[in-house]
């Protein structure tokens, strides 16, 4: 919120003409952090570039559409195990070293 002690008298009067609802709206609107999750980025990429390569590993190439389909299959399998939405899931995978 606004620290009233730091404002000059003219600024205080200006702020007092704005009702609390508008102040809350402005604070939420302009102080909000956009939080993108990987699924959002992938979904957007699939929409914009469905046939473009998303992942190339060796001789295997996945398009954004195929990658999202695979990710959705994995996500639905995890949900089937009882993990709820917004739960955190750790991933343990082997490191791979590839020379490009």
PDB file of N, CA and C in Angstrom:
ATOM      1  N   UNK A   1       0.831  -1.190   0.000  1.00  0.00           N
ATOM      2  CA  UNK A   1       0.000   0.000   0.000  1.00  0.00           C
ATOM      3  C   UNK A   1       0.871   1.247   0.000  1.00  0.00           C
ATOM      4  N   UNK A   2       0.225   2.374  -0.102  1.00  0.00           N
ATOM      5  CA  UNK A   2       0.927   3.658  -0.148  1.00  0.00           C
ATOM      6  C   UNK A   2       1.368   4.052   1.260  1.00  0.00           C
ATOM      7  N   UNK A   3       2.625   4.466   1.391  1.00  0.00           N
ATOM      8  CA  UNK A   3       3.123   4.965   2.664  1.00  0.00           C
ATOM      9  C   UNK A   3       2.804   6.464   2.720  1.00  0.00           C
ATOM     10  N   UNK A   4       1.761   6.832   3.473  1.00  0.00           N
ATOM     11  CA  UNK A   4       1.259   8.200   3.491  1.00  0.00           C
ATOM     12  C   UNK A   4       2.292   9.194   4.003  1.00  0.00           C
ATOM     13  N   UNK A   5       3.192   8.740   4.891  1.00  0.00           N
ATOM     14  CA  UNK A   5       4.186   9.653   5.459  1.00  0.00           C
ATOM     15  C   UNK A   5       5.166  10.172   4.409  1.00  0.00           C
ATOM     16  N   UNK A   6       5.364   9.403   3.340  1.00  0.00           N
ATOM     17  CA  UNK A   6       6.324   9.786   2.319  1.00  0.00           C
ATOM     18  C   UNK A   6       5.729  10.708   1.248  1.00  0.00           C
ATOM     19  N   UNK A   7       4.421  10.902   1.282  1.00  0.00           N
ATOM     20  CA  UNK A   7       3.769  11.713   0.251  1.00  0.00           C
ATOM     21  C   UNK A   7       3.655  13.173   0.680  1.00  0.00           C
ATOM     22  N   UNK A   8       3.746  14.058  -0.311  1.00  0.00           N
ATOM     23  CA  UNK A   8       3.518  15.477  -0.033  1.00  0.00           C
ATOM     24  C   UNK A   8       2.016  15.695   0.165  1.00  0.00           C
ATOM     25  N   UNK A   9       1.650  16.831   0.700  1.00  0.00           N
ATOM     26  CA  UNK A   9       0.232  17.135   0.946  1.00  0.00           C
ATOM     27  C   UNK A   9      -0.603  17.095  -0.346  1.00  0.00           C
ATOM     28  N   UNK A  10      -0.125  17.697  -1.448  1.00  0.00           N
ATOM     29  CA  UNK A  10      -0.917  17.603  -2.690  1.00  0.00           C
ATOM     30  C   UNK A  10      -1.101  16.155  -3.159  1.00  0.00           C
ATOM     31  N   UNK A  11      -0.048  15.348  -3.009  1.00  0.00           N
ATOM     32  CA  UNK A  11      -0.168  13.944  -3.415  1.00  0.00           C
ATOM     33  C   UNK A  11      -1.147  13.189  -2.516  1.00  0.00           C
ATOM     34  N   UNK A  12      -1.133  13.501  -1.236  1.00  0.00           N
ATOM     35  CA  UNK A  12      -2.086  12.858  -0.315  1.00  0.00           C
ATOM     36  C   UNK A  12      -3.522  13.147  -0.726  1.00  0.00           C
ATOM     37  N   UNK A  13      -3.799  14.387  -1.059  1.00  0.00           N
ATOM     38  CA  UNK A  13      -5.166  14.721  -1.451  1.00  0.00           C
ATOM     39  C   UNK A  13      -5.541  14.034  -2.761  1.00  0.00           C
ATOM     40  N   UNK A  14      -4.578  13.891  -3.651  1.00  0.00           N
ATOM     41  CA  UNK A  14      -4.826  13.207  -4.918  1.00  0.00           C
ATOM     42  C   UNK A  14      -5.160  11.739  -4.670  1.00  0.00           C
ATOM     43  N   UNK A  15      -4.409  11.098  -3.783  1.00  0.00           N
ATOM     44  CA  UNK A  15      -4.665   9.687  -3.483  1.00  0.00           C
ATOM     45  C   UNK A  15      -5.994   9.492  -2.755  1.00  0.00           C
ATOM     46  N   UNK A  16      -6.411  10.442  -1.963  1.00  0.00           N
ATOM     47  CA  UNK A  16      -7.645  10.289  -1.214  1.00  0.00           C
ATOM     48  C   UNK A  16      -8.875  10.333  -2.108  1.00  0.00           C
ATOM     49  N   UNK A  17      -8.730  10.847  -3.330  1.00  0.00           N
ATOM     50  CA  UNK A  17      -9.871  10.883  -4.245  1.00  0.00           C
ATOM     51  C   UNK A  17     -10.080   9.545  -4.951  1.00  0.00           C
ATOM     52  N   UNK A  18      -9.136   8.636  -4.812  1.00  0.00           N
ATOM     53  CA  UNK A  18      -9.251   7.312  -5.422  1.00  0.00           C
ATOM     54  C   UNK A  18      -9.781   6.369  -4.353  1.00  0.00           C
ATOM     55  N   UNK A  19     -10.843   5.657  -4.673  1.00  0.00           N
ATOM     56  CA  UNK A  19     -11.387   4.750  -3.659  1.00  0.00           C
ATOM     57  C   UNK A  19     -10.517   3.505  -3.508  1.00  0.00           C
ATOM     58  N   UNK A  20     -10.703   2.807  -2.432  1.00  0.00           N
ATOM     59  CA  UNK A  20      -9.860   1.656  -2.087  1.00  0.00           C
ATOM     60  C   UNK A  20      -9.911   0.580  -3.172  1.00  0.00           C
ATOM     61  N   UNK A  21     -11.080   0.371  -3.743  1.00  0.00           N
ATOM     62  CA  UNK A  21     -11.227  -0.650  -4.784  1.00  0.00           C
ATOM     63  C   UNK A  21     -10.318  -0.342  -5.985  1.00  0.00           C
ATOM     64  N   UNK A  22     -10.253   0.928  -6.394  1.00  0.00           N
ATOM     65  CA  UNK A  22      -9.398   1.303  -7.523  1.00  0.00           C
ATOM     66  C   UNK A  22      -7.920   1.155  -7.174  1.00  0.00           C
ATOM     67  N   UNK A  23      -7.556   1.524  -5.946  1.00  0.00           N
ATOM     68  CA  UNK A  23      -6.161   1.380  -5.530  1.00  0.00           C
ATOM     69  C   UNK A  23      -5.772  -0.092  -5.550  1.00  0.00           C
ATOM     70  N   UNK A  24      -6.631  -0.964  -5.029  1.00  0.00           N
ATOM     71  CA  UNK A  24      -6.344  -2.401  -5.026  1.00  0.00           C
ATOM     72  C   UNK A  24      -6.221  -2.932  -6.452  1.00  0.00           C
ATOM     73  N   UNK A  25      -7.111  -2.482  -7.327  1.00  0.00           N
ATOM     74  CA  UNK A  25      -7.047  -2.906  -8.720  1.00  0.00           C
ATOM     75  C   UNK A  25      -5.709  -2.512  -9.345  1.00  0.00           C
ATOM     76  N   UNK A  26      -5.310  -1.260  -9.145  1.00  0.00           N
ATOM     77  CA  UNK A  26      -4.062  -0.781  -9.738  1.00  0.00           C
ATOM     78  C   UNK A  26      -2.852  -1.516  -9.169  1.00  0.00           C
ATOM     79  N   UNK A  27      -2.853  -1.744  -7.869  1.00  0.00           N
ATOM     80  CA  UNK A  27      -1.744  -2.468  -7.256  1.00  0.00           C
ATOM     81  C   UNK A  27      -1.658  -3.893  -7.794  1.00  0.00           C
ATOM     82  N   UNK A  28      -2.796  -4.551  -7.914  1.00  0.00           N
ATOM     83  CA  UNK A  28      -2.796  -5.916  -8.439  1.00  0.00           C
ATOM     84  C   UNK A  28      -2.426  -5.949  -9.914  1.00  0.00           C
ATOM     85  N   UNK A  29      -2.899  -4.961 -10.645  1.00  0.00           N
ATOM     86  CA  UNK A  29      -2.652  -4.927 -12.091  1.00  0.00           C
ATOM     87  C   UNK A  29      -1.184  -4.685 -12.420  1.00  0.00           C
ATOM     88  N   UNK A  30      -0.562  -3.754 -11.738  1.00  0.00           N
ATOM     89  CA  UNK A  30       0.781  -3.350 -12.109  1.00  0.00           C
ATOM     90  C   UNK A  30       1.882  -3.981 -11.260  1.00  0.00           C
ATOM     91  N   UNK A  31       1.526  -4.653 -10.189  1.00  0.00           N
ATOM     92  CA  UNK A  31       2.532  -5.333  -9.378  1.00  0.00           C
ATOM     93  C   UNK A  31       2.499  -6.843  -9.574  1.00  0.00           C
ATOM     94  N   UNK A  32       1.639  -7.295 -10.456  1.00  0.00           N
ATOM     95  CA  UNK A  32       1.480  -8.729 -10.679  1.00  0.00           C
ATOM     96  C   UNK A  32       2.671  -9.266 -11.477  1.00  0.00           C
ATOM     97  N   UNK A  33       3.115 -10.411 -11.090  1.00  0.00           N
ATOM     98  CA  UNK A  33       4.196 -11.081 -11.808  1.00  0.00           C
ATOM     99  C   UNK A  33       3.559 -12.123 -12.716  1.00  0.00           C
ATOM    100  N   UNK A  34       3.897 -12.078 -13.985  1.00  0.00           N
ATOM    101  CA  UNK A  34       3.390 -13.101 -14.891  1.00  0.00           C
ATOM    102  C   UNK A  34       4.116 -14.403 -14.605  1.00  0.00           C
ATOM    103  N   UNK A  35       3.350 -15.423 -14.339  1.00  0.00           N
ATOM    104  CA  UNK A  35       3.923 -16.727 -14.031  1.00  0.00           C
ATOM    105  C   UNK A  35       3.540 -17.690 -15.136  1.00  0.00           C
ATOM    106  N   UNK A  36       4.489 -17.978 -15.968  1.00  0.00           N
ATOM    107  CA  UNK A  36       4.278 -18.932 -17.042  1.00  0.00           C
ATOM    108  C   UNK A  36       4.799 -20.281 -16.580  1.00  0.00           C
ATOM    109  N   UNK A  37       4.049 -21.290 -16.860  1.00  0.00           N
ATOM    110  CA  UNK A  37       4.539 -22.629 -16.605  1.00  0.00           C
ATOM    111  C   UNK A  37       4.878 -23.253 -17.948  1.00  0.00           C
ATOM    112  N   UNK A  38       5.659 -24.297 -17.928  1.00  0.00           N
ATOM    113  CA  UNK A  38       6.109 -24.920 -19.167  1.00  0.00           C
ATOM    114  C   UNK A  38       4.928 -25.309 -20.049  1.00  0.00           C
ATOM    115  N   UNK A  39       3.861 -25.801 -19.449  1.00  0.00           N
ATOM    116  CA  UNK A  39       2.696 -26.222 -20.236  1.00  0.00           C
ATOM    117  C   UNK A  39       2.109 -25.050 -21.029  1.00  0.00           C
ATOM    118  N   UNK A  40       2.096 -23.857 -20.445  1.00  0.00           N
ATOM    119  CA  UNK A  40       1.575 -22.683 -21.157  1.00  0.00           C
ATOM    120  C   UNK A  40       2.434 -22.347 -22.368  1.00  0.00           C
ATOM    121  N   UNK A  41       3.731 -22.412 -22.177  1.00  0.00           N
ATOM    122  CA  UNK A  41       4.661 -22.094 -23.265  1.00  0.00           C
ATOM    123  C   UNK A  41       4.525 -23.123 -24.379  1.00  0.00           C
ATOM    124  N   UNK A  42       4.437 -24.381 -24.002  1.00  0.00           N
ATOM    125  CA  UNK A  42       4.308 -25.447 -24.995  1.00  0.00           C
ATOM    126  C   UNK A  42       2.982 -25.346 -25.743  1.00  0.00           C
ATOM    127  N   UNK A  43       1.902 -25.074 -25.023  1.00  0.00           N
ATOM    128  CA  UNK A  43       0.583 -24.945 -25.649  1.00  0.00           C
ATOM    129  C   UNK A  43       0.575 -23.797 -26.659  1.00  0.00           C
ATOM    130  N   UNK A  44       1.192 -22.692 -26.279  1.00  0.00           N
ATOM    131  CA  UNK A  44       1.257 -21.537 -27.183  1.00  0.00           C
ATOM    132  C   UNK A  44       2.108 -21.850 -28.413  1.00  0.00           C
ATOM    133  N   UNK A  45       3.216 -22.540 -28.212  1.00  0.00           N
ATOM    134  CA  UNK A  45       4.084 -22.896 -29.335  1.00  0.00           C
ATOM    135  C   UNK A  45       3.390 -23.874 -30.273  1.00  0.00           C
ATOM    136  N   UNK A  46       2.634 -24.818 -29.702  1.00  0.00           N
ATOM    137  CA  UNK A  46       1.895 -25.752 -30.550  1.00  0.00           C
ATOM    138  C   UNK A  46       0.879 -25.008 -31.402  1.00  0.00           C
ATOM    139  N   UNK A  47       0.209 -24.039 -30.811  1.00  0.00           N
ATOM    140  CA  UNK A  47      -0.793 -23.269 -31.544  1.00  0.00           C
ATOM    141  C   UNK A  47      -0.151 -22.484 -32.689  1.00  0.00           C
ATOM    142  N   UNK A  48       0.996 -21.873 -32.408  1.00  0.00           N
ATOM    143  CA  UNK A  48       1.643 -21.025 -33.407  1.00  0.00           C
ATOM    144  C   UNK A  48       2.471 -21.801 -34.423  1.00  0.00           C
ATOM    145  N   UNK A  49       3.130 -22.882 -33.991  1.00  0.00           N
ATOM    146  CA  UNK A  49       4.054 -23.617 -34.860  1.00  0.00           C
ATOM    147  C   UNK A  49       3.846 -25.125 -34.742  1.00  0.00           C
ATOM    148  N   UNK A  50       2.679 -25.648 -35.075  1.00  0.00           N
ATOM    149  CA  UNK A  50       2.412 -27.070 -34.813  1.00  0.00           C
ATOM    150  C   UNK A  50       3.364 -28.029 -35.527  1.00  0.00           C
ATOM    151  N   UNK A  51       3.824 -27.685 -36.719  1.00  0.00           N
ATOM    152  CA  UNK A  51       4.657 -28.605 -37.498  1.00  0.00           C
ATOM    153  C   UNK A  51       6.147 -28.299 -37.440  1.00  0.00           C
ATOM    154  N   UNK A  52       6.535 -27.279 -36.682  1.00  0.00           N
ATOM    155  CA  UNK A  52       7.962 -26.957 -36.544  1.00  0.00           C
ATOM    156  C   UNK A  52       8.624 -27.907 -35.558  1.00  0.00           C
ATOM    157  N   UNK A  53       9.903 -28.213 -35.770  1.00  0.00           N
ATOM    158  CA  UNK A  53      10.616 -29.072 -34.818  1.00  0.00           C
ATOM    159  C   UNK A  53      10.764 -28.390 -33.459  1.00  0.00           C
ATOM    160  N   UNK A  54      10.406 -29.100 -32.412  1.00  0.00           N
ATOM    161  CA  UNK A  54      10.555 -28.590 -31.049  1.00  0.00           C
ATOM    162  C   UNK A  54      11.777 -29.200 -30.387  1.00  0.00           C
ATOM    163  N   UNK A  55      11.990 -30.485 -30.624  1.00  0.00           N
ATOM    164  CA  UNK A  55      13.106 -31.202 -30.025  1.00  0.00           C
ATOM    165  C   UNK A  55      13.755 -32.061 -31.104  1.00  0.00           C
ATOM    166  N   UNK A  56      15.060 -31.950 -31.188  1.00  0.00           N
ATOM    167  CA  UNK A  56      15.832 -32.802 -32.095  1.00  0.00           C
ATOM    168  C   UNK A  56      16.887 -33.490 -31.250  1.00  0.00           C
ATOM    169  N   UNK A  57      16.865 -34.812 -31.249  1.00  0.00           N
ATOM    170  CA  UNK A  57      17.845 -35.581 -30.487  1.00  0.00           C
ATOM    171  C   UNK A  57      18.275 -36.746 -31.356  1.00  0.00           C
ATOM    172  N   UNK A  58      19.514 -36.689 -31.798  1.00  0.00           N
ATOM    173  CA  UNK A  58      20.001 -37.724 -32.709  1.00  0.00           C
ATOM    174  C   UNK A  58      19.212 -37.681 -33.998  1.00  0.00           C
ATOM    175  N   UNK A  59      18.623 -38.832 -34.357  1.00  0.00           N
ATOM    176  CA  UNK A  59      17.832 -38.883 -35.587  1.00  0.00           C
ATOM    177  C   UNK A  59      16.335 -38.736 -35.324  1.00  0.00           C
ATOM    178  N   UNK A  60      15.980 -38.424 -34.090  1.00  0.00           N
ATOM    179  CA  UNK A  60      14.558 -38.275 -33.735  1.00  0.00           C
ATOM    180  C   UNK A  60      14.194 -36.800 -33.620  1.00  0.00           C
ATOM    181  N   UNK A  61      13.089 -36.422 -34.242  1.00  0.00           N
ATOM    182  CA  UNK A  61      12.597 -35.048 -34.198  1.00  0.00           C
ATOM    183  C   UNK A  61      11.143 -35.064 -33.751  1.00  0.00           C
ATOM    184  N   UNK A  62      10.810 -34.212 -32.793  1.00  0.00           N
ATOM    185  CA  UNK A  62       9.420 -34.059 -32.358  1.00  0.00           C
ATOM    186  C   UNK A  62       8.955 -32.657 -32.716  1.00  0.00           C
ATOM    187  N   UNK A  63       7.786 -32.567 -33.328  1.00  0.00           N
ATOM    188  CA  UNK A  63       7.197 -31.260 -33.587  1.00  0.00           C
ATOM    189  C   UNK A  63       6.572 -30.749 -32.297  1.00  0.00           C
ATOM    190  N   UNK A  64       6.192 -29.481 -32.282  1.00  0.00           N
ATOM    191  CA  UNK A  64       5.528 -28.934 -31.092  1.00  0.00           C
ATOM    192  C   UNK A  64       4.225 -29.673 -30.818  1.00  0.00           C
ATOM    193  N   UNK A  65       3.499 -30.049 -31.870  1.00  0.00           N
ATOM    194  CA  UNK A  65       2.244 -30.781 -31.672  1.00  0.00           C
ATOM    195  C   UNK A  65       2.510 -32.146 -31.042  1.00  0.00           C
ATOM    196  N   UNK A  66       3.488 -32.868 -31.559  1.00  0.00           N
ATOM    197  CA  UNK A  66       3.808 -34.195 -31.010  1.00  0.00           C
ATOM    198  C   UNK A  66       4.349 -34.090 -29.592  1.00  0.00           C
ATOM    199  N   UNK A  67       5.169 -33.075 -29.339  1.00  0.00           N
ATOM    200  CA  UNK A  67       5.729 -32.897 -27.997  1.00  0.00           C
ATOM    201  C   UNK A  67       4.628 -32.609 -26.986  1.00  0.00           C
ATOM    202  N   UNK A  68       3.679 -31.740 -27.345  1.00  0.00           N
ATOM    203  CA  UNK A  68       2.592 -31.459 -26.402  1.00  0.00           C
ATOM    204  C   UNK A  68       1.737 -32.694 -26.177  1.00  0.00           C
ATOM    205  N   UNK A  69       1.480 -33.462 -27.231  1.00  0.00           N
ATOM    206  CA  UNK A  69       0.715 -34.709 -27.061  1.00  0.00           C
ATOM    207  C   UNK A  69       1.419 -35.653 -26.095  1.00  0.00           C
ATOM    208  N   UNK A  70       2.735 -35.822 -26.265  1.00  0.00           N
ATOM    209  CA  UNK A  70       3.498 -36.689 -25.358  1.00  0.00           C
ATOM    210  C   UNK A  70       3.466 -36.161 -23.926  1.00  0.00           C
ATOM    211  N   UNK A  71       3.634 -34.856 -23.772  1.00  0.00           N
ATOM    212  CA  UNK A  71       3.602 -34.250 -22.431  1.00  0.00           C
ATOM    213  C   UNK A  71       2.245 -34.432 -21.770  1.00  0.00           C
ATOM    214  N   UNK A  72       1.178 -34.292 -22.555  1.00  0.00           N
ATOM    215  CA  UNK A  72      -0.168 -34.478 -22.001  1.00  0.00           C
ATOM    216  C   UNK A  72      -0.393 -35.933 -21.575  1.00  0.00           C
ATOM    217  N   UNK A  73       0.148 -36.880 -22.336  1.00  0.00           N
ATOM    218  CA  UNK A  73       0.040 -38.289 -21.942  1.00  0.00           C
ATOM    219  C   UNK A  73       0.753 -38.540 -20.614  1.00  0.00           C
ATOM    220  N   UNK A  74       1.945 -37.977 -20.467  1.00  0.00           N
ATOM    221  CA  UNK A  74       2.688 -38.148 -19.209  1.00  0.00           C
ATOM    222  C   UNK A  74       1.929 -37.481 -18.060  1.00  0.00           C
ATOM    223  N   UNK A  75       1.439 -36.258 -18.298  1.00  0.00           N
ATOM    224  CA  UNK A  75       0.708 -35.529 -17.250  1.00  0.00           C
ATOM    225  C   UNK A  75      -0.536 -36.293 -16.821  1.00  0.00           C
ATOM    226  N   UNK A  76      -1.275 -36.843 -17.777  1.00  0.00           N
ATOM    227  CA  UNK A  76      -2.480 -37.598 -17.429  1.00  0.00           C
ATOM    228  C   UNK A  76      -2.140 -38.885 -16.685  1.00  0.00           C
ATOM    229  N   UNK A  77      -1.006 -39.496 -17.018  1.00  0.00           N
ATOM    230  CA  UNK A  77      -0.564 -40.683 -16.271  1.00  0.00           C
ATOM    231  C   UNK A  77      -0.241 -40.326 -14.825  1.00  0.00           C
ATOM    232  N   UNK A  78       0.426 -39.192 -14.642  1.00  0.00           N
ATOM    233  CA  UNK A  78       0.762 -38.742 -13.281  1.00  0.00           C
ATOM    234  C   UNK A  78      -0.506 -38.413 -12.500  1.00  0.00           C
ATOM    235  N   UNK A  79      -1.461 -37.746 -13.154  1.00  0.00           N
ATOM    236  CA  UNK A  79      -2.735 -37.468 -12.488  1.00  0.00           C
ATOM    237  C   UNK A  79      -3.445 -38.765 -12.104  1.00  0.00           C
ATOM    238  N   UNK A  80      -3.318 -39.771 -12.960  1.00  0.00           N
ATOM    239  CA  UNK A  80      -3.917 -41.072 -12.673  1.00  0.00           C
ATOM    240  C   UNK A  80      -3.315 -41.744 -11.445  1.00  0.00           C
ATOM    241  N   UNK A  81      -2.108 -41.356 -11.080  1.00  0.00           N
ATOM    242  CA  UNK A  81      -1.467 -41.904  -9.884  1.00  0.00           C
ATOM    243  C   UNK A  81      -1.919 -41.203  -8.608  1.00  0.00           C
ATOM    244  N   UNK A  82      -2.724 -40.152  -8.745  1.00  0.00           N
ATOM    245  CA  UNK A  82      -3.245 -39.458  -7.572  1.00  0.00           C
ATOM    246  C   UNK A  82      -2.628 -38.103  -7.302  1.00  0.00           C
ATOM    247  N   UNK A  83      -1.724 -37.672  -8.143  1.00  0.00           N
ATOM    248  CA  UNK A  83      -1.141 -36.341  -7.965  1.00  0.00           C
ATOM    249  C   UNK A  83      -2.201 -35.325  -8.374  1.00  0.00           C
ATOM    250  N   UNK A  84      -2.416 -34.326  -7.531  1.00  0.00           N
ATOM    251  CA  UNK A  84      -3.447 -33.327  -7.793  1.00  0.00           C
ATOM    252  C   UNK A  84      -2.865 -32.117  -8.514  1.00  0.00           C
ATOM    253  N   UNK A  85      -3.733 -31.342  -9.111  1.00  0.00           N
ATOM    254  CA  UNK A  85      -3.314 -30.129  -9.796  1.00  0.00           C
ATOM    255  C   UNK A  85      -2.578 -29.210  -8.821  1.00  0.00           C
ATOM    256  N   UNK A  86      -1.494 -28.616  -9.273  1.00  0.00           N
ATOM    257  CA  UNK A  86      -0.638 -27.703  -8.532  1.00  0.00           C
ATOM    258  C   UNK A  86       0.264 -28.401  -7.511  1.00  0.00           C
ATOM    259  N   UNK A  87       0.183 -29.736  -7.411  1.00  0.00           N
ATOM    260  CA  UNK A  87       1.170 -30.452  -6.606  1.00  0.00           C
ATOM    261  C   UNK A  87       2.515 -30.346  -7.316  1.00  0.00           C
ATOM    262  N   UNK A  88       3.575 -30.441  -6.562  1.00  0.00           N
ATOM    263  CA  UNK A  88       4.908 -30.404  -7.155  1.00  0.00           C
ATOM    264  C   UNK A  88       5.399 -31.823  -7.361  1.00  0.00           C
ATOM    265  N   UNK A  89       6.034 -32.028  -8.497  1.00  0.00           N
ATOM    266  CA  UNK A  89       6.557 -33.343  -8.845  1.00  0.00           C
ATOM    267  C   UNK A  89       8.025 -33.184  -9.192  1.00  0.00           C
ATOM    268  N   UNK A  90       8.877 -33.986  -8.572  1.00  0.00           N
ATOM    269  CA  UNK A  90      10.303 -33.950  -8.876  1.00  0.00           C
ATOM    270  C   UNK A  90      10.589 -34.873 -10.058  1.00  0.00           C
ATOM    271  N   UNK A  91      11.600 -34.513 -10.809  1.00  0.00           N
ATOM    272  CA  UNK A  91      12.008 -35.325 -11.958  1.00  0.00           C
ATOM    273  C   UNK A  91      13.447 -35.773 -11.732  1.00  0.00           C
ATOM    274  N   UNK A  92      13.670 -37.057 -11.867  1.00  0.00           N
ATOM    275  CA  UNK A  92      15.012 -37.614 -11.768  1.00  0.00           C
ATOM    276  C   UNK A  92      15.338 -38.210 -13.130  1.00  0.00           C
ATOM    277  N   UNK A  93      16.351 -37.672 -13.781  1.00  0.00           N
ATOM    278  CA  UNK A  93      16.705 -38.146 -15.121  1.00  0.00           C
ATOM    279  C   UNK A  93      18.218 -38.206 -15.243  1.00  0.00           C
ATOM    280  N   UNK A  94      18.667 -39.054 -16.117  1.00  0.00           N
ATOM    281  CA  UNK A  94      20.101 -39.156 -16.388  1.00  0.00           C
ATOM    282  C   UNK A  94      20.551 -37.945 -17.194  1.00  0.00           C
ATOM    283  N   UNK A  95      21.760 -37.493 -16.922  1.00  0.00           N
ATOM    284  CA  UNK A  95      22.359 -36.452 -17.759  1.00  0.00           C
ATOM    285  C   UNK A  95      22.741 -37.081 -19.094  1.00  0.00           C
ATOM    286  N   UNK A  96      22.625 -36.314 -20.126  1.00  0.00           N
ATOM    287  CA  UNK A  96      23.104 -36.787 -21.421  1.00  0.00           C
ATOM    288  C   UNK A  96      24.115 -35.782 -21.930  1.00  0.00           C
ATOM    289  N   UNK A  97      25.113 -36.261 -22.567  1.00  0.00           N
ATOM    290  CA  UNK A  97      26.068 -35.346 -23.157  1.00  0.00           C
ATOM    291  C   UNK A  97      26.076 -35.598 -24.660  1.00  0.00           C
ATOM    292  N   UNK A  98      25.768 -34.574 -25.372  1.00  0.00           N
ATOM    293  CA  UNK A  98      25.707 -34.664 -26.815  1.00  0.00           C
ATOM    294  C   UNK A  98      26.568 -33.570 -27.395  1.00  0.00           C
ATOM    295  N   UNK A  99      27.354 -33.907 -28.361  1.00  0.00           N
ATOM    296  CA  UNK A  99      28.179 -32.912 -29.039  1.00  0.00           C
ATOM    297  C   UNK A  99      27.437 -32.444 -30.277  1.00  0.00           C
ATOM    298  N   UNK A 100      27.259 -31.148 -30.375  1.00  0.00           N
ATOM    299  CA  UNK A 100      26.573 -30.597 -31.550  1.00  0.00           C
ATOM    300  C   UNK A 100      27.576 -30.038 -32.512  1.00  0.00           C
TER     301      UNK A 100
END
